[in-house]
Amino acid sequence: MKFMMTFHWAPDTEQRTEAIERFLRTGGLPPEGVRLVGRWTSADLGSGFDLLETDDAAKLTEFAYQWSDLMELAIVPVLEDAELADVLGRVAINGPAPAA
């Protein structure tokens, strides 16, 4: 399953310096069991996102923990268009789920 992890940090020079040093030291790579599909960082260096793939939510938590002392993180599951089209095709055929 794919997950989008967004990151944001305040313009705190100490935190930014530590984040840069940690990234250069580790490559910012996730733990074994999580595949980094891609990473994009905003031009102002204030935020960005990683596209990750794993079936192990605990490994995502491990990766988030490695960076949560320096930045605010959010992780959400995401679907590719083909996966979304499959879901929408089933919903369109069967109609929306009944309200609870």
Protein backbone atom coordinates (compact mmCIF):
# COMPACT_ATOMS: atom_id res chain seq x y z
CA MET A 1 0.00 0.00 0.00
CA LYS A 2 1.17 3.52 -0.73
CA PHE A 3 1.29 6.33 1.81
CA MET A 4 1.95 10.04 1.49
CA MET A 5 4.00 11.43 4.37
CA THR A 6 4.01 15.21 4.46
CA PHE A 7 6.52 17.12 6.53
CA HIS A 8 6.73 20.70 7.71
CA TRP A 9 9.05 22.51 10.05
CA ALA A 10 9.07 26.02 11.47
CA PRO A 11 11.95 28.28 10.52
CA ASP A 12 13.94 27.32 13.61
CA THR A 13 17.62 27.45 12.65
CA GLU A 14 18.70 24.84 15.21
CA GLN A 15 16.07 22.35 14.07
CA ARG A 16 16.81 23.05 10.41
CA THR A 17 20.54 22.51 10.97
CA GLU A 18 19.90 19.21 12.80
CA ALA A 19 17.49 18.06 10.07
CA ILE A 20 20.04 18.82 7.35
CA GLU A 21 22.82 17.05 9.25
CA ARG A 22 20.62 14.02 9.91
CA PHE A 23 19.50 13.87 6.29
CA LEU A 24 23.09 14.06 5.02
CA ARG A 25 24.19 11.42 7.54
CA THR A 26 21.35 8.95 6.89
CA GLY A 27 20.13 9.81 3.42
CA GLY A 28 16.69 10.18 4.96
CA LEU A 29 15.96 6.58 4.06
CA PRO A 30 13.11 4.67 5.67
CA PRO A 31 13.70 1.44 7.59
CA GLU A 32 13.80 -1.94 5.89
CA GLY A 33 10.28 -2.94 4.93
CA VAL A 34 9.35 0.53 3.64
CA ARG A 35 10.16 1.53 0.07
CA LEU A 36 10.78 5.20 -0.67
CA VAL A 37 9.06 5.73 -4.02
CA GLY A 38 10.03 9.40 -4.16
CA ARG A 39 10.57 12.54 -2.13
CA TRP A 40 9.88 16.16 -3.02
CA THR A 41 10.84 19.22 -0.98
CA SER A 42 9.46 22.72 -1.49
CA ALA A 43 11.85 25.30 -2.92
CA ASP A 44 11.66 27.31 0.32
CA LEU A 45 12.75 24.20 2.31
CA GLY A 46 9.79 24.58 4.68
CA SER A 47 7.87 21.46 3.71
CA GLY A 48 7.63 18.50 1.40
CA PHE A 49 6.41 14.96 1.05
CA ASP A 50 7.56 11.39 0.66
CA LEU A 51 5.69 8.73 -1.26
CA LEU A 52 6.21 5.47 0.63
CA GLU A 53 5.11 1.89 0.02
CA THR A 54 4.68 -0.77 2.70
CA ASP A 55 2.27 -3.28 4.16
CA ASP A 56 3.65 -2.69 7.67
CA ALA A 57 2.17 0.33 9.49
CA ALA A 58 4.59 -0.21 12.39
CA LYS A 59 7.49 0.47 10.02
CA LEU A 60 5.84 3.76 9.00
CA THR A 61 5.61 4.67 12.67
CA GLU A 62 9.29 3.84 13.08
CA PHE A 63 10.19 6.12 10.17
CA ALA A 64 8.00 8.93 11.51
CA TYR A 65 9.58 8.59 14.94
CA GLN A 66 13.04 9.08 13.41
CA TRP A 67 12.01 12.58 12.28
CA SER A 68 9.15 13.67 14.56
CA ASP A 69 11.50 15.48 16.94
CA LEU A 70 12.43 17.90 14.15
CA MET A 71 9.29 18.35 12.08
CA GLU A 72 5.54 17.98 12.00
CA LEU A 73 4.51 14.87 10.05
CA ALA A 74 1.26 13.53 8.64
CA ILE A 75 0.84 10.12 6.98
CA VAL A 76 -2.17 9.19 4.86
CA PRO A 77 -2.89 6.19 2.64
CA VAL A 78 -3.19 7.10 -1.06
CA LEU A 79 -4.47 5.38 -4.19
CA GLU A 80 -3.15 5.52 -7.74
CA ASP A 81 -5.67 6.45 -10.44
CA ALA A 82 -6.13 2.82 -11.57
CA GLU A 83 -6.93 1.75 -8.00
CA LEU A 84 -9.31 4.68 -7.60
CA ALA A 85 -11.02 3.88 -10.90
CA ASP A 86 -11.59 0.31 -9.69
CA VAL A 87 -13.19 1.56 -6.48
CA LEU A 88 -15.30 4.13 -8.29
CA GLY A 89 -16.39 1.50 -10.81
CA ARG A 90 -17.67 -0.72 -8.02
CA VAL A 91 -19.41 2.17 -6.27
CA ALA A 92 -20.99 3.43 -9.49
CA ILE A 93 -22.33 -0.06 -10.23
CA ASN A 94 -23.60 -0.75 -6.72
CA GLY A 95 -24.41 2.80 -5.69
CA PRO A 96 -23.16 4.54 -2.56
CA ALA A 97 -23.03 2.71 0.74
CA PRO A 98 -26.18 3.14 2.86
CA ALA A 99 -25.99 5.76 5.60
CA ALA A 100 -25.42 4.42 9.08
